[in-house]
N, C-alpha and C. Protein backbone atom coordinates (compact mmCIF):
# COMPACT_ATOMS: atom_id res chain seq x y z
N MET A 1 -33.91 7.58 -19.27
CA MET A 1 -32.97 6.57 -20.18
C MET A 1 -31.61 7.38 -20.16
N LYS A 2 -31.68 8.49 -20.56
CA LYS A 2 -30.29 9.04 -20.73
C LYS A 2 -29.10 9.13 -19.65
N THR A 3 -30.08 9.47 -18.44
CA THR A 3 -29.19 9.35 -17.47
C THR A 3 -28.70 8.08 -16.94
N LEU A 4 -29.56 6.97 -17.06
CA LEU A 4 -29.23 5.60 -16.85
C LEU A 4 -28.09 5.26 -17.60
N LEU A 5 -27.97 5.54 -19.03
CA LEU A 5 -26.81 5.50 -19.78
C LEU A 5 -25.33 6.32 -19.30
N ILE A 6 -25.94 7.46 -18.86
CA ILE A 6 -24.10 8.12 -18.72
C ILE A 6 -24.09 7.46 -17.51
N THR A 7 -24.75 7.33 -16.28
CA THR A 7 -24.24 6.97 -14.97
C THR A 7 -23.43 5.45 -15.09
N LEU A 8 -24.18 4.67 -16.15
CA LEU A 8 -23.52 3.35 -16.67
C LEU A 8 -22.35 3.41 -17.26
N SER A 9 -22.28 4.39 -18.14
CA SER A 9 -20.81 4.78 -18.57
C SER A 9 -19.71 4.87 -17.74
N LEU A 10 -20.14 6.10 -16.81
CA LEU A 10 -19.27 6.87 -16.01
C LEU A 10 -18.59 5.27 -14.92
N VAL A 11 -19.83 4.29 -14.53
CA VAL A 11 -18.97 3.35 -13.49
C VAL A 11 -18.06 2.46 -14.42
N ILE A 12 -18.59 2.15 -15.40
CA ILE A 12 -17.29 1.30 -16.36
C ILE A 12 -16.21 2.12 -16.65
N LEU A 13 -16.17 3.26 -17.04
CA LEU A 13 -14.78 4.31 -17.04
C LEU A 13 -14.27 4.35 -15.95
N SER A 14 -14.70 4.36 -14.61
CA SER A 14 -13.92 4.37 -13.56
C SER A 14 -13.50 3.17 -13.14
N SER A 15 -14.32 1.79 -13.27
CA SER A 15 -13.34 0.72 -12.97
C SER A 15 -12.54 0.27 -13.36
N CYS A 16 -12.50 1.18 -14.88
CA CYS A 16 -10.93 0.54 -15.65
C CYS A 16 -9.81 1.32 -15.31
N ALA A 17 -10.16 2.38 -14.48
CA ALA A 17 -9.14 3.49 -14.49
C ALA A 17 -8.52 2.82 -12.95
N PHE A 18 -8.97 2.17 -12.57
CA PHE A 18 -8.60 1.47 -11.07
C PHE A 18 -8.22 0.04 -10.73
N GLN A 19 -8.21 -0.12 -11.69
CA GLN A 19 -7.74 -1.94 -11.86
C GLN A 19 -6.41 -2.17 -11.67
N ARG A 20 -6.30 -3.16 -10.32
CA ARG A 20 -4.82 -3.73 -10.27
C ARG A 20 -4.23 -4.44 -11.10
N VAL A 21 -3.01 -3.79 -11.90
CA VAL A 21 -2.22 -4.17 -13.02
C VAL A 21 -0.91 -4.78 -12.32
N LYS A 22 -0.70 -6.02 -12.42
CA LYS A 22 0.81 -6.36 -12.42
C LYS A 22 2.00 -6.11 -13.20
N VAL A 23 2.80 -5.21 -12.77
CA VAL A 23 3.75 -4.67 -13.63
C VAL A 23 5.16 -5.38 -13.68
N MET A 24 5.85 -6.08 -12.40
CA MET A 24 6.57 -6.84 -12.78
C MET A 24 7.22 -7.97 -11.38
N ASN A 25 7.86 -8.82 -11.61
CA ASN A 25 8.59 -9.93 -10.24
C ASN A 25 9.81 -9.23 -10.25
N ALA A 26 10.30 -9.28 -8.73
CA ALA A 26 11.83 -9.04 -8.92
C ALA A 26 12.06 -10.45 -7.96
N SER A 27 13.47 -10.73 -7.94
CA SER A 27 14.09 -11.98 -7.02
C SER A 27 14.10 -11.31 -5.86
N ALA A 28 14.97 -10.08 -5.58
CA ALA A 28 14.99 -9.11 -4.69
C ALA A 28 15.23 -7.90 -4.78
N VAL A 29 15.06 -6.89 -3.65
CA VAL A 29 14.76 -5.92 -3.97
C VAL A 29 15.36 -4.97 -3.01
N SER A 30 15.84 -4.06 -2.75
CA SER A 30 16.26 -3.02 -1.59
C SER A 30 16.72 -1.39 -1.73
N MET A 31 16.37 -0.52 -1.32
CA MET A 31 16.50 0.59 -1.19
C MET A 31 18.08 1.03 -0.13
N THR A 32 18.41 0.00 0.57
CA THR A 32 19.25 0.41 1.43
C THR A 32 20.56 -0.67 1.57
N HIS A 33 20.57 -1.78 0.22
CA HIS A 33 21.42 -2.55 0.29
C HIS A 33 21.66 -2.68 -1.28
N ASP A 34 23.30 -2.92 -1.32
CA ASP A 34 23.00 -3.44 -3.29
C ASP A 34 23.31 -4.67 -3.19
N SER A 35 24.25 -4.91 -2.15
CA SER A 35 24.59 -6.51 -2.28
C SER A 35 24.63 -6.90 -1.01
N LEU A 36 24.69 -8.35 -1.02
CA LEU A 36 25.63 -9.09 0.59
C LEU A 36 27.10 -8.80 0.54
N LYS A 37 27.36 -8.85 1.75
CA LYS A 37 28.65 -8.99 1.91
C LYS A 37 29.39 -9.92 1.88
N PRO A 38 30.58 -10.64 1.54
CA PRO A 38 31.27 -11.67 2.27
C PRO A 38 30.52 -12.27 3.37
N GLY A 39 30.28 -13.36 3.76
CA GLY A 39 29.55 -13.88 5.27
C GLY A 39 28.76 -13.36 5.68
N GLN A 40 27.57 -12.60 4.79
CA GLN A 40 26.41 -12.49 5.28
C GLN A 40 25.25 -13.23 4.59
N THR A 41 24.06 -13.48 5.29
CA THR A 41 23.10 -14.17 4.60
C THR A 41 21.61 -13.52 5.07
N LEU A 42 20.85 -13.78 4.50
CA LEU A 42 19.06 -13.37 4.63
C LEU A 42 18.42 -14.42 5.76
N VAL A 43 17.89 -13.59 6.74
CA VAL A 43 16.82 -14.14 7.37
C VAL A 43 15.53 -13.58 6.98
N GLU A 44 14.60 -14.70 6.88
CA GLU A 44 13.50 -14.44 6.39
C GLU A 44 12.39 -13.86 7.48
N SER A 45 11.73 -12.92 7.23
CA SER A 45 10.58 -12.54 8.21
C SER A 45 9.32 -12.34 8.09
N GLY A 46 9.15 -12.98 6.83
CA GLY A 46 7.51 -12.96 6.59
C GLY A 46 7.11 -11.67 5.73
N ASP A 47 5.66 -12.02 5.35
CA ASP A 47 5.06 -11.18 4.06
C ASP A 47 5.05 -9.77 4.61
N VAL A 48 5.47 -8.94 3.57
CA VAL A 48 5.66 -7.24 3.81
C VAL A 48 4.99 -6.91 2.71
N LYS A 49 4.53 -5.68 2.53
CA LYS A 49 3.83 -4.45 1.62
C LYS A 49 4.12 -3.50 1.75
N GLY A 50 4.14 -2.56 0.84
CA GLY A 50 4.65 -1.43 0.87
C GLY A 50 3.69 -0.36 -0.24
N GLU A 51 3.76 0.62 -0.37
CA GLU A 51 2.56 1.28 -1.28
C GLU A 51 3.30 3.00 -1.25
N PHE A 52 2.92 3.35 -2.40
CA PHE A 52 3.51 4.64 -2.60
C PHE A 52 2.47 5.23 -3.98
N CYS A 53 1.98 6.27 -3.25
CA CYS A 53 1.15 7.18 -4.33
C CYS A 53 1.65 8.28 -4.81
N ALA A 54 1.61 8.51 -5.90
CA ALA A 54 2.03 9.94 -6.46
C ALA A 54 0.93 11.08 -6.35
N ASP A 55 1.18 12.16 -6.27
CA ASP A 55 0.52 13.52 -6.18
C ASP A 55 0.20 14.07 -7.24
N ASN A 56 -0.83 13.89 -7.99
CA ASN A 56 -1.16 14.28 -9.19
C ASN A 56 -1.01 15.97 -9.53
N LEU A 57 -0.68 16.53 -8.71
CA LEU A 57 -0.53 17.57 -9.06
C LEU A 57 0.82 18.24 -8.80
N LYS A 58 1.78 17.36 -8.33
CA LYS A 58 3.05 17.73 -7.79
C LYS A 58 3.98 16.82 -8.96
N GLN A 59 3.93 15.51 -9.14
CA GLN A 59 4.43 14.85 -9.81
C GLN A 59 4.10 14.92 -10.99
N GLN A 60 5.01 14.56 -12.06
CA GLN A 60 4.44 14.03 -13.64
C GLN A 60 5.32 13.19 -13.80
N GLY A 61 4.71 11.94 -14.39
CA GLY A 61 5.26 10.56 -14.81
C GLY A 61 5.19 9.59 -13.52
N SER A 62 5.85 8.30 -13.88
CA SER A 62 5.96 7.58 -13.02
C SER A 62 7.47 7.51 -12.23
N PHE A 63 8.54 8.27 -12.31
CA PHE A 63 9.52 8.14 -11.94
C PHE A 63 9.53 8.02 -10.48
N GLY A 64 10.24 6.86 -9.78
CA GLY A 64 10.82 7.04 -8.55
C GLY A 64 9.20 6.14 -7.85
N LEU A 65 8.53 5.57 -8.39
CA LEU A 65 7.24 5.03 -7.69
C LEU A 65 7.86 3.70 -7.12
N PHE A 66 8.48 3.10 -7.94
CA PHE A 66 9.10 1.66 -7.26
C PHE A 66 9.85 1.87 -6.13
N ASP A 67 10.61 2.94 -6.39
CA ASP A 67 11.66 3.13 -5.02
C ASP A 67 11.22 3.44 -3.88
N GLU A 68 10.10 4.40 -4.02
CA GLU A 68 9.11 4.87 -2.91
C GLU A 68 8.38 3.73 -2.06
N ALA A 69 7.89 3.11 -3.15
CA ALA A 69 6.94 1.59 -2.55
C ALA A 69 7.86 0.77 -1.95
N ILE A 70 9.23 0.71 -2.32
CA ILE A 70 10.13 -0.72 -1.66
C ILE A 70 10.80 0.01 -0.50
N LYS A 71 10.80 1.50 -0.35
CA LYS A 71 11.23 2.43 0.96
C LYS A 71 10.32 1.99 2.07
N ASN A 72 9.04 2.38 1.53
CA ASN A 72 7.53 2.25 2.09
C ASN A 72 7.39 0.88 3.19
N ALA A 73 7.56 -0.07 2.27
CA ALA A 73 7.84 -1.85 2.93
C ALA A 73 9.01 -1.80 3.59
N GLN A 74 10.10 -1.39 3.11
CA GLN A 74 11.23 -1.94 4.13
C GLN A 74 10.94 -0.92 5.37
N SER A 75 10.74 0.58 5.58
CA SER A 75 10.78 1.00 6.71
C SER A 75 9.37 0.67 7.73
N THR A 76 8.35 -0.07 7.19
CA THR A 76 6.98 -0.23 7.87
C THR A 76 7.67 -1.26 8.59
N ASN A 77 7.95 -2.34 7.55
CA ASN A 77 8.18 -3.88 8.17
C ASN A 77 9.76 -4.01 8.64
N GLN A 78 10.71 -2.91 8.89
CA GLN A 78 11.96 -3.18 9.32
C GLN A 78 12.63 -3.96 8.80
N VAL A 79 12.85 -4.32 7.54
CA VAL A 79 13.61 -5.29 6.82
C VAL A 79 14.48 -4.65 5.95
N ASP A 80 15.54 -5.45 5.60
CA ASP A 80 16.67 -4.79 4.53
C ASP A 80 16.20 -5.32 3.25
N PHE A 81 15.85 -6.57 2.98
CA PHE A 81 15.28 -6.61 1.44
C PHE A 81 14.29 -7.25 1.16
N ILE A 82 13.44 -6.99 0.16
CA ILE A 82 12.12 -7.70 -0.52
C ILE A 82 12.22 -8.68 -1.05
N LEU A 83 12.07 -10.28 -0.40
CA LEU A 83 12.41 -11.46 -1.46
C LEU A 83 10.97 -11.79 -2.40
N ASN A 84 11.42 -12.03 -3.65
CA ASN A 84 9.95 -12.59 -4.71
C ASN A 84 9.39 -11.36 -4.63
N ALA A 85 9.68 -9.89 -5.14
CA ALA A 85 8.74 -8.80 -5.00
C ALA A 85 8.03 -8.97 -5.91
N THR A 86 6.76 -8.57 -5.81
CA THR A 86 6.10 -8.30 -7.08
C THR A 86 5.18 -6.78 -6.94
N PHE A 87 5.47 -6.56 -8.04
CA PHE A 87 5.09 -4.99 -8.04
C PHE A 87 3.59 -4.58 -8.78
N TRP A 88 2.79 -3.93 -8.22
CA TRP A 88 1.25 -3.47 -8.49
C TRP A 88 1.22 -2.13 -8.88
N ALA A 89 0.43 -1.74 -10.00
CA ALA A 89 0.01 -0.61 -10.08
C ALA A 89 -1.42 -0.68 -10.16
N THR A 90 -1.91 0.31 -9.15
CA THR A 90 -3.55 0.83 -9.15
C THR A 90 -3.58 2.46 -9.00
N GLY A 91 -4.06 2.95 -10.72
CA GLY A 91 -4.41 4.30 -10.83
C GLY A 91 -3.03 4.92 -10.31
N ASN A 92 -2.76 5.96 -9.61
CA ASN A 92 -1.49 6.84 -9.50
C ASN A 92 -0.46 5.86 -8.41
N CYS A 93 -0.88 4.87 -8.18
CA CYS A 93 -0.05 4.13 -6.81
C CYS A 93 0.62 3.09 -7.34
N MET A 94 1.80 2.77 -6.51
CA MET A 94 2.68 1.63 -6.90
C MET A 94 3.11 1.03 -5.49
N SER A 95 2.33 -0.32 -5.77
CA SER A 95 2.88 -1.45 -4.60
C SER A 95 3.49 -2.31 -4.45
N VAL A 96 4.45 -2.95 -3.61
CA VAL A 96 4.92 -3.93 -3.59
C VAL A 96 4.89 -5.09 -2.66
N GLU A 97 4.68 -6.23 -2.81
CA GLU A 97 4.30 -7.27 -1.81
C GLU A 97 5.46 -8.39 -2.10
N GLY A 98 5.70 -9.31 -0.81
CA GLY A 98 7.15 -10.00 -1.00
C GLY A 98 7.43 -10.67 0.39
N THR A 99 8.31 -11.61 0.42
CA THR A 99 8.70 -11.45 2.01
C THR A 99 10.03 -11.06 2.09
N GLY A 100 10.10 -10.50 3.50
CA GLY A 100 10.98 -9.35 4.12
C GLY A 100 12.19 -10.60 4.40
N ALA A 101 13.31 -9.78 4.66
CA ALA A 101 14.30 -10.49 4.93
C ALA A 101 15.16 -9.53 5.77
N LYS A 102 15.96 -9.89 6.72
CA LYS A 102 17.21 -9.29 7.33
C LYS A 102 18.37 -9.64 7.06
N VAL A 103 19.63 -8.93 6.92
CA VAL A 103 20.76 -9.23 7.17
C VAL A 103 21.05 -9.77 8.31
N ALA A 104 22.04 -10.80 8.23
CA ALA A 104 22.65 -11.70 8.99
C ALA A 104 23.83 -11.92 8.89
N SER A 105 25.05 -11.97 9.87
CA SER A 105 26.23 -12.51 9.45
C SER A 105 26.33 -14.18 9.92
N ASN A 106 27.12 -14.31 9.47
CA ASN A 106 27.73 -15.92 9.65
C ASN A 106 29.26 -16.08 10.48
N LYS A 107 29.34 -15.03 11.62
CA LYS A 107 30.59 -15.46 11.88
C LYS A 107 30.39 -16.47 12.91
N LYS A 108 31.45 -17.37 12.81
CA LYS A 108 31.83 -18.51 13.97
C LYS A 108 32.95 -18.08 14.91
């Protein structure tokens, strides 16, 4: 009985430690562009996802997790911006989901 209680307690504690928690929403994010220049527009390219997990032994705190998740999503999906971005925390990982977009010129 004691073993069963200990096992049940560990299962409950471990399931709480790795719940996916919504951190924030952002209308547009990018690690490569701070804004659009006059005459530029965005062309949506579909759903994108990115993730970054901190190394518990090397990194203290949560600084840079958002940046690294954005950078991962941009490089993996070859996009300039992530629109309607939602950030999620799971354990020591930060992930971002949204719509990818590339910069396009409107020169005629």
